Amino acid sequence: MKKHIVCIGDSNTHGYCADPADCADGGIRFNEDERWTCRLQKALGPDFLVTEEGLSGRTTVFPDPLHESMDALGVVYSLLKSHEAVDLLIIMLGTNDTKERLGANAACIAIGMERLVRKAQSVDCWGNRAPNILIVCPPAILPLMEDNPCGAAMGKGCIEKSVQLPSYLSATAHLVGAHYLDAADCEFNRVDGMHLTRHGHAQLADKLARLVPTLL
């Protein structure tokens, strides 16, 4: 049986590309040679199965009044059960939680992550092993986000909250007994300032390819 890794995230796990010139296919989603999940699969090899569960706009636990089914808490049970047995769950969320309309500061976002992780730990999907979860803190949103059309919908305070997230999420990981990785140096684009570039996907995949085998 292959080691099964499930990756739950937002648009940066789905592979959204804000700059078509940066994507080999010129579309709005990086292809299977570019996304970090697919690159991780290639790096780990045939003894591993990496499953993508990325949704643009996804949050940890906060329902979005503009879009339904955006909180991971509401779907994590069904996702994990549909992919059991799971050897490692990678959660990379937090960027969308900073939206002004959701009303959560960085400390509350971290509490949301705690609640999500504890829910995932309670799901009977881990086979004969203990729950094994890696929290990945996304890079901080760049200031140029405010000058992009998406900035108005994101609202005020997103940048500041995203800058504060690493210290809170690392503490959360310690609290819940999860592993932690800060993706701060993975490159965000200079279009909307909050999505990984093709190079950023490669950087994240390289970090995880070194870390993941040590966690299994």
Protein backbone atom coordinates (compact mmCIF):
# COMPACT_ATOMS: atom_id res chain seq x y z
CA MET A 1 0.00 0.00 0.00
CA LYS A 2 1.34 3.42 -0.95
CA LYS A 3 1.85 6.10 1.69
CA HIS A 4 -1.17 8.36 1.25
CA ILE A 5 -0.82 12.12 1.65
CA VAL A 6 -3.95 14.31 1.48
CA CYS A 7 -3.46 18.04 0.84
CA ILE A 8 -6.30 20.31 1.96
CA GLY A 9 -5.98 23.94 0.97
CA ASP A 10 -7.30 26.90 -0.95
CA SER A 11 -6.45 28.31 -4.39
CA ASN A 12 -2.74 27.80 -3.77
CA THR A 13 -3.38 24.07 -3.45
CA HIS A 14 -5.82 24.05 -6.35
CA GLY A 15 -3.15 25.78 -8.41
CA TYR A 16 -4.78 29.08 -9.37
CA CYS A 17 -2.56 31.20 -11.61
CA ALA A 18 -3.22 34.93 -11.49
CA ASP A 19 -0.70 35.60 -14.28
CA PRO A 20 -1.41 33.53 -17.44
CA ALA A 21 2.07 34.42 -18.71
CA ASP A 22 3.51 32.42 -15.80
CA CYS A 23 1.55 29.27 -16.66
CA ALA A 24 2.80 26.96 -19.42
CA ASP A 25 -0.74 26.47 -20.73
CA GLY A 26 -1.67 30.14 -20.46
CA GLY A 27 -4.73 29.34 -18.37
CA ILE A 28 -5.96 30.14 -14.88
CA ARG A 29 -4.61 26.94 -13.31
CA PHE A 30 -1.07 25.63 -13.24
CA ASN A 31 -0.79 22.25 -14.91
CA GLU A 32 0.32 18.88 -13.54
CA ASP A 33 3.99 19.69 -14.14
CA GLU A 34 3.72 22.96 -12.21
CA ARG A 35 1.44 22.57 -9.17
CA TRP A 36 3.23 21.90 -5.88
CA THR A 37 1.07 18.86 -5.16
CA CYS A 38 1.97 17.24 -8.48
CA ARG A 39 5.62 18.17 -8.14
CA LEU A 40 5.63 16.65 -4.67
CA GLN A 41 4.17 13.45 -6.06
CA LYS A 42 6.91 13.28 -8.69
CA ALA A 43 9.65 13.98 -6.13
CA LEU A 44 8.42 11.36 -3.66
CA GLY A 45 8.02 8.66 -6.28
CA PRO A 46 5.77 5.64 -6.83
CA ASP A 47 5.63 4.54 -3.20
CA PHE A 48 3.54 7.62 -2.35
CA LEU A 49 0.10 8.89 -3.36
CA VAL A 50 -0.47 12.64 -3.12
CA THR A 51 -4.14 13.68 -3.28
CA GLU A 52 -5.16 17.28 -4.04
CA GLU A 53 -8.11 18.82 -2.20
CA GLY A 54 -7.75 22.51 -3.07
CA LEU A 55 -10.67 24.96 -3.32
CA SER A 56 -10.30 28.63 -4.17
CA GLY A 57 -11.57 30.75 -1.30
CA ARG A 58 -11.44 27.98 1.31
CA THR A 59 -11.06 28.98 4.97
CA THR A 60 -10.30 26.98 8.09
CA VAL A 61 -13.65 27.21 9.91
CA PHE A 62 -15.25 30.50 8.89
CA PRO A 63 -18.37 30.37 6.67
CA ASP A 64 -18.25 32.95 3.88
CA PRO A 65 -21.50 34.92 3.50
CA LEU A 66 -20.84 35.34 -0.24
CA HIS A 67 -19.95 31.74 -1.18
CA GLU A 68 -21.24 28.46 0.20
CA SER A 69 -19.19 25.52 1.51
CA MET A 70 -15.95 27.45 1.89
CA ASP A 71 -15.00 26.33 5.41
CA ALA A 72 -12.81 23.24 5.62
CA LEU A 73 -14.35 22.28 8.95
CA GLY A 74 -17.64 21.46 7.27
CA VAL A 75 -16.07 19.03 4.78
CA VAL A 76 -12.97 17.63 6.49
CA TYR A 77 -14.77 14.53 7.78
CA SER A 78 -16.07 13.52 4.35
CA LEU A 79 -12.79 14.36 2.62
CA LEU A 80 -10.72 12.27 4.99
CA LYS A 81 -13.13 9.36 5.03
CA SER A 82 -13.27 9.31 1.23
CA HIS A 83 -9.48 9.02 1.09
CA GLU A 84 -8.81 6.65 4.00
CA ALA A 85 -6.45 5.33 5.00
CA VAL A 86 -4.51 8.58 5.37
CA ASP A 87 -0.84 8.56 6.40
CA LEU A 88 -0.32 12.34 6.39
CA LEU A 89 -2.68 15.31 6.12
CA ILE A 90 -1.19 18.58 4.91
CA ILE A 91 -3.28 21.67 5.67
CA MET A 92 -2.31 24.97 4.04
CA LEU A 93 -4.97 27.54 4.88
CA GLY A 94 -5.18 31.01 6.38
CA THR A 95 -4.99 33.49 3.51
CA ASN A 96 -8.76 33.64 2.94
CA ASP A 97 -9.42 33.74 6.69
CA THR A 98 -7.91 37.24 6.70
CA LYS A 99 -10.79 38.68 4.64
CA GLU A 100 -12.31 41.70 6.34
CA ARG A 101 -15.88 40.39 5.96
CA LEU A 102 -15.07 37.32 8.07
CA GLY A 103 -14.10 39.45 11.06
CA ALA A 104 -11.28 37.23 12.35
CA ASN A 105 -7.93 38.52 13.58
CA ALA A 106 -4.76 36.42 13.40
CA ALA A 107 -5.31 34.96 16.86
CA CYS A 108 -8.83 33.86 15.92
CA ILE A 109 -7.59 32.37 12.65
CA ALA A 110 -5.14 30.27 14.65
CA ILE A 111 -7.96 29.12 16.93
CA GLY A 112 -9.85 28.17 13.79
CA MET A 113 -6.88 26.10 12.67
CA GLU A 114 -6.78 24.45 16.07
CA ARG A 115 -10.44 23.49 15.79
CA LEU A 116 -9.93 22.15 12.26
CA VAL A 117 -6.91 20.05 13.23
CA ARG A 118 -8.64 18.61 16.28
CA LYS A 119 -11.59 17.66 14.07
CA ALA A 120 -9.26 15.97 11.58
CA GLN A 121 -7.54 14.12 14.41
CA SER A 122 -10.91 12.75 15.54
CA VAL A 123 -11.80 11.26 12.15
CA ASP A 124 -11.40 7.48 11.89
CA CYS A 125 -9.28 7.55 8.76
CA TRP A 126 -5.76 6.90 10.03
CA GLY A 127 -5.60 3.12 9.76
CA ASN A 128 -3.48 1.66 12.53
CA ARG A 129 -1.44 4.80 13.15
CA ALA A 130 -1.93 7.98 15.17
CA PRO A 131 -3.21 11.12 13.39
CA ASN A 132 -0.39 12.72 11.44
CA ILE A 133 -0.92 16.34 10.39
CA LEU A 134 1.34 19.03 8.93
CA ILE A 135 0.27 22.68 9.12
CA VAL A 136 1.79 24.81 6.38
CA CYS A 137 1.60 28.56 6.97
CA PRO A 138 1.20 30.37 3.64
CA PRO A 139 3.39 33.34 2.71
CA ALA A 140 2.24 36.75 3.83
CA ILE A 141 0.05 38.70 1.42
CA LEU A 142 2.05 41.35 -0.44
CA PRO A 143 1.10 45.06 -0.16
CA LEU A 144 0.35 45.26 -3.89
CA MET A 145 -2.80 43.20 -3.21
CA GLU A 146 -4.52 46.46 -2.24
CA ASP A 147 -3.93 47.88 -5.75
CA ASN A 148 -5.41 44.81 -7.48
CA PRO A 149 -9.19 44.53 -8.13
CA CYS A 150 -9.31 41.60 -5.71
CA GLY A 151 -8.10 43.88 -2.94
CA ALA A 152 -11.46 45.62 -2.55
CA ALA A 153 -13.22 42.32 -1.91
CA MET A 154 -10.52 41.12 0.46
CA GLY A 155 -10.94 44.30 2.49
CA LYS A 156 -8.75 46.03 5.02
CA GLY A 157 -6.31 44.45 7.43
CA CYS A 158 -5.54 41.30 5.40
CA ILE A 159 -1.87 42.05 4.96
CA GLU A 160 -1.25 42.76 8.63
CA LYS A 161 -3.09 39.62 9.74
CA SER A 162 -1.23 37.43 7.27
CA VAL A 163 2.10 38.78 8.53
CA GLN A 164 1.11 37.79 12.08
CA LEU A 165 -0.01 34.27 11.17
CA PRO A 166 3.32 32.38 11.40
CA SER A 167 3.81 33.02 15.12
CA TYR A 168 0.22 32.05 15.87
CA LEU A 169 0.11 28.96 13.64
CA SER A 170 3.44 27.64 14.89
CA ALA A 171 2.08 27.89 18.44
CA THR A 172 -1.09 26.11 17.31
CA ALA A 173 0.93 23.28 15.79
CA HIS A 174 2.75 22.80 19.08
CA LEU A 175 -0.53 22.92 21.01
CA VAL A 176 -2.28 20.23 18.94
CA GLY A 177 0.75 18.01 18.33
CA ALA A 178 0.99 18.74 14.61
CA HIS A 179 4.06 19.30 12.46
CA TYR A 180 4.70 22.83 11.13
CA LEU A 181 6.24 24.41 8.05
CA ASP A 182 6.49 28.12 7.30
CA ALA A 183 6.28 28.74 3.54
CA ALA A 184 7.24 32.39 3.94
CA ASP A 185 10.01 32.35 1.33
CA CYS A 186 7.89 30.68 -1.37
CA GLU A 187 7.30 33.26 -4.07
CA PHE A 188 3.96 35.06 -4.44
CA ASN A 189 3.21 36.77 -7.75
CA ARG A 190 3.40 40.51 -8.44
CA VAL A 191 -0.11 40.61 -9.95
CA ASP A 192 -2.43 40.12 -6.98
CA GLY A 193 0.20 39.48 -4.30
CA MET A 194 -1.37 36.39 -2.77
CA HIS A 195 -0.92 33.46 -5.13
CA LEU A 196 2.13 31.32 -5.70
CA THR A 197 4.08 31.74 -8.91
CA ARG A 198 5.27 28.71 -10.85
CA HIS A 199 8.60 29.16 -9.06
CA GLY A 200 6.76 29.43 -5.75
CA HIS A 201 5.05 26.09 -6.39
CA ALA A 202 8.45 24.54 -7.12
CA GLN A 203 9.92 26.03 -3.94
CA LEU A 204 7.10 24.65 -1.79
CA ALA A 205 7.31 21.22 -3.41
CA ASP A 206 11.05 21.10 -2.76
CA LYS A 207 10.58 21.98 0.91
CA LEU A 208 7.91 19.33 1.35
CA ALA A 209 9.85 16.69 -0.57
CA ARG A 210 12.61 17.02 2.01
CA LEU A 211 10.30 17.17 5.01
CA VAL A 212 7.54 14.67 4.26
CA PRO A 213 9.67 11.48 4.27
CA THR A 214 10.81 12.35 7.79
CA LEU A 215 7.19 12.47 8.96
CA LEU A 216 6.20 9.01 7.72
